[in-house]
Amino acid sequence: MSDLDLETILGELRQREPIFHRRAFGTSRDDLEAMTAEDFFQIGASGRIYRRDFVIANLLERYQQPERHDWPCRDFSIRRLAENLYLLNYTLDEPGRTTLRTTI
């Protein structure tokens, strides 16, 4: 894979982060299910594991209100792990704190 291809993929993934906060990619249950595998899980900042159904239920509730923050992200990096599988790292500036994020 060329660096140009990797930059194109990085550009596409960057638009989606932080994942689930970019409403342009869909806010319905069908949209969220299409974005996640059946065995999807998310690890919270506390280290707690959140399963797909829990995440989707909370997102559907959250989407009933306007987004309260624009979730600025910076310092993106990407690494190819396997064919069509990438590790995306970035810094997220949240209200009151800055966190490092990773998405596979």
C-alpha atoms as a PDB file:
ATOM      1  CA  MET A   1       0.000   0.000   0.000  1.00  0.00           C
ATOM      2  CA  SER A   2       1.384   3.388  -0.911  1.00  0.00           C
ATOM      3  CA  ASP A   3       1.619   6.370   1.446  1.00  0.00           C
ATOM      4  CA  LEU A   4      -0.877   8.150  -0.831  1.00  0.00           C
ATOM      5  CA  ASP A   5      -3.443   5.384  -0.302  1.00  0.00           C
ATOM      6  CA  LEU A   6      -2.881   5.509   3.447  1.00  0.00           C
ATOM      7  CA  GLU A   7      -3.351   9.290   3.443  1.00  0.00           C
ATOM      8  CA  THR A   8      -6.640   8.876   1.568  1.00  0.00           C
ATOM      9  CA  ILE A   9      -7.864   6.355   4.135  1.00  0.00           C
ATOM     10  CA  LEU A  10      -6.703   8.612   6.968  1.00  0.00           C
ATOM     11  CA  GLY A  11      -8.689  11.477   5.446  1.00  0.00           C
ATOM     12  CA  GLU A  12     -11.834   9.357   5.284  1.00  0.00           C
ATOM     13  CA  LEU A  13     -11.497   8.084   8.848  1.00  0.00           C
ATOM     14  CA  ARG A  14     -10.594  11.515  10.240  1.00  0.00           C
ATOM     15  CA  GLN A  15     -13.998  12.840   9.123  1.00  0.00           C
ATOM     16  CA  ARG A  16     -15.748  10.277  11.340  1.00  0.00           C
ATOM     17  CA  GLU A  17     -13.907  10.981  14.579  1.00  0.00           C
ATOM     18  CA  PRO A  18     -14.785  11.100  17.279  1.00  0.00           C
ATOM     19  CA  ILE A  19     -16.906   8.211  16.190  1.00  0.00           C
ATOM     20  CA  PHE A  20     -20.643   8.540  16.912  1.00  0.00           C
ATOM     21  CA  HIS A  21     -20.359  12.320  17.409  1.00  0.00           C
ATOM     22  CA  ARG A  22     -20.465  13.072  13.679  1.00  0.00           C
ATOM     23  CA  ARG A  23     -24.186  12.947  13.065  1.00  0.00           C
ATOM     24  CA  ALA A  24     -23.835  13.351   9.313  1.00  0.00           C
ATOM     25  CA  PHE A  25     -23.050   9.629   9.149  1.00  0.00           C
ATOM     26  CA  GLY A  26     -26.441   8.719  10.596  1.00  0.00           C
ATOM     27  CA  THR A  27     -28.319   8.709  13.868  1.00  0.00           C
ATOM     28  CA  SER A  28     -30.886   5.920  13.473  1.00  0.00           C
ATOM     29  CA  ARG A  29     -30.578   2.422  14.915  1.00  0.00           C
ATOM     30  CA  ASP A  30     -30.111   1.093  11.364  1.00  0.00           C
ATOM     31  CA  ASP A  31     -27.295   3.604  10.740  1.00  0.00           C
ATOM     32  CA  LEU A  32     -25.534   2.698  13.981  1.00  0.00           C
ATOM     33  CA  GLU A  33     -25.901  -1.032  13.378  1.00  0.00           C
ATOM     34  CA  ALA A  34     -24.439  -0.583   9.884  1.00  0.00           C
ATOM     35  CA  MET A  35     -21.422   1.224  11.411  1.00  0.00           C
ATOM     36  CA  THR A  36     -20.696  -1.505  13.955  1.00  0.00           C
ATOM     37  CA  ALA A  37     -20.070  -5.233  13.875  1.00  0.00           C
ATOM     38  CA  GLU A  38     -22.406  -7.475  15.860  1.00  0.00           C
ATOM     39  CA  ASP A  39     -19.605  -8.114  18.357  1.00  0.00           C
ATOM     40  CA  PHE A  40     -18.701  -4.403  18.625  1.00  0.00           C
ATOM     41  CA  PHE A  41     -17.646  -3.087  22.007  1.00  0.00           C
ATOM     42  CA  GLN A  42     -16.245   0.188  23.261  1.00  0.00           C
ATOM     43  CA  ILE A  43     -13.807   0.672  26.121  1.00  0.00           C
ATOM     44  CA  GLY A  44     -14.526   3.765  28.205  1.00  0.00           C
ATOM     45  CA  ALA A  45     -11.962   6.024  29.840  1.00  0.00           C
ATOM     46  CA  SER A  46     -12.485   4.069  33.079  1.00  0.00           C
ATOM     47  CA  GLY A  47     -11.583   0.823  31.327  1.00  0.00           C
ATOM     48  CA  ARG A  48     -15.174  -0.406  31.471  1.00  0.00           C
ATOM     49  CA  ILE A  49     -16.401  -2.353  28.428  1.00  0.00           C
ATOM     50  CA  TYR A  50     -19.641  -1.247  26.791  1.00  0.00           C
ATOM     51  CA  ARG A  51     -21.365  -3.703  24.452  1.00  0.00           C
ATOM     52  CA  ARG A  52     -22.999  -2.747  21.167  1.00  0.00           C
ATOM     53  CA  ASP A  53     -26.624  -2.703  22.378  1.00  0.00           C
ATOM     54  CA  PHE A  54     -25.751  -0.499  25.349  1.00  0.00           C
ATOM     55  CA  VAL A  55     -23.780   1.942  23.158  1.00  0.00           C
ATOM     56  CA  ILE A  56     -26.553   2.169  20.542  1.00  0.00           C
ATOM     57  CA  ALA A  57     -29.270   2.704  23.180  1.00  0.00           C
ATOM     58  CA  ASN A  58     -27.269   5.530  24.750  1.00  0.00           C
ATOM     59  CA  LEU A  59     -26.522   7.108  21.386  1.00  0.00           C
ATOM     60  CA  LEU A  60     -30.189   7.062  20.366  1.00  0.00           C
ATOM     61  CA  GLU A  61     -31.016   8.870  23.609  1.00  0.00           C
ATOM     62  CA  ARG A  62     -28.155  11.362  23.139  1.00  0.00           C
ATOM     63  CA  TYR A  63     -29.242  12.141  19.577  1.00  0.00           C
ATOM     64  CA  GLN A  64     -32.539  13.516  20.906  1.00  0.00           C
ATOM     65  CA  GLN A  65     -30.614  16.645  22.008  1.00  0.00           C
ATOM     66  CA  PRO A  66     -28.363  19.020  20.038  1.00  0.00           C
ATOM     67  CA  GLU A  67     -24.651  18.262  20.227  1.00  0.00           C
ATOM     68  CA  ARG A  68     -23.199  20.370  23.041  1.00  0.00           C
ATOM     69  CA  HIS A  69     -19.616  20.447  21.814  1.00  0.00           C
ATOM     70  CA  ASP A  70     -17.870  20.369  18.435  1.00  0.00           C
ATOM     71  CA  TRP A  71     -15.358  17.669  19.540  1.00  0.00           C
ATOM     72  CA  PRO A  72     -12.158  19.020  17.947  1.00  0.00           C
ATOM     73  CA  CYS A  73      -9.597  16.338  17.085  1.00  0.00           C
ATOM     74  CA  ARG A  74      -5.939  16.709  16.149  1.00  0.00           C
ATOM     75  CA  ASP A  75      -2.631  14.890  15.765  1.00  0.00           C
ATOM     76  CA  PHE A  76      -4.009  11.968  13.775  1.00  0.00           C
ATOM     77  CA  SER A  77      -1.888   8.970  12.909  1.00  0.00           C
ATOM     78  CA  ILE A  78      -2.793   5.744  11.161  1.00  0.00           C
ATOM     79  CA  ARG A  79      -1.254   2.309  10.898  1.00  0.00           C
ATOM     80  CA  ARG A  80      -2.338  -0.547   8.666  1.00  0.00           C
ATOM     81  CA  LEU A  81      -2.818  -3.697  10.748  1.00  0.00           C
ATOM     82  CA  ALA A  82      -4.065  -5.996   7.982  1.00  0.00           C
ATOM     83  CA  GLU A  83      -5.935  -5.728   4.704  1.00  0.00           C
ATOM     84  CA  ASN A  84      -8.828  -3.275   5.282  1.00  0.00           C
ATOM     85  CA  LEU A  85      -7.979  -2.991   9.001  1.00  0.00           C
ATOM     86  CA  TYR A  86      -6.425   0.163  10.460  1.00  0.00           C
ATOM     87  CA  LEU A  87      -5.423   1.579  13.820  1.00  0.00           C
ATOM     88  CA  LEU A  88      -6.305   5.268  14.106  1.00  0.00           C
ATOM     89  CA  ASN A  89      -4.881   7.389  16.936  1.00  0.00           C
ATOM     90  CA  TYR A  90      -5.652  11.018  17.712  1.00  0.00           C
ATOM     91  CA  THR A  91      -6.009  13.641  20.415  1.00  0.00           C
ATOM     92  CA  LEU A  92      -9.503  14.772  21.373  1.00  0.00           C
ATOM     93  CA  ASP A  93     -10.076  18.105  23.092  1.00  0.00           C
ATOM     94  CA  GLU A  94     -13.086  17.531  25.317  1.00  0.00           C
ATOM     95  CA  PRO A  95     -14.703  20.100  27.573  1.00  0.00           C
ATOM     96  CA  GLY A  96     -12.371  20.323  30.556  1.00  0.00           C
ATOM     97  CA  ARG A  97      -9.869  17.686  29.444  1.00  0.00           C
ATOM     98  CA  THR A  98      -7.773  16.362  26.596  1.00  0.00           C
ATOM     99  CA  THR A  99      -7.689  12.624  25.871  1.00  0.00           C
ATOM    100  CA  LEU A 100      -5.834  10.302  23.547  1.00  0.00           C
ATOM    101  CA  ARG A 101      -8.146   8.099  21.482  1.00  0.00           C
ATOM    102  CA  THR A 102      -7.743   4.950  19.440  1.00  0.00           C
ATOM    103  CA  THR A 103     -10.146   3.396  16.940  1.00  0.00           C
ATOM    104  CA  ILE A 104      -9.656   0.118  15.101  1.00  0.00           C
END
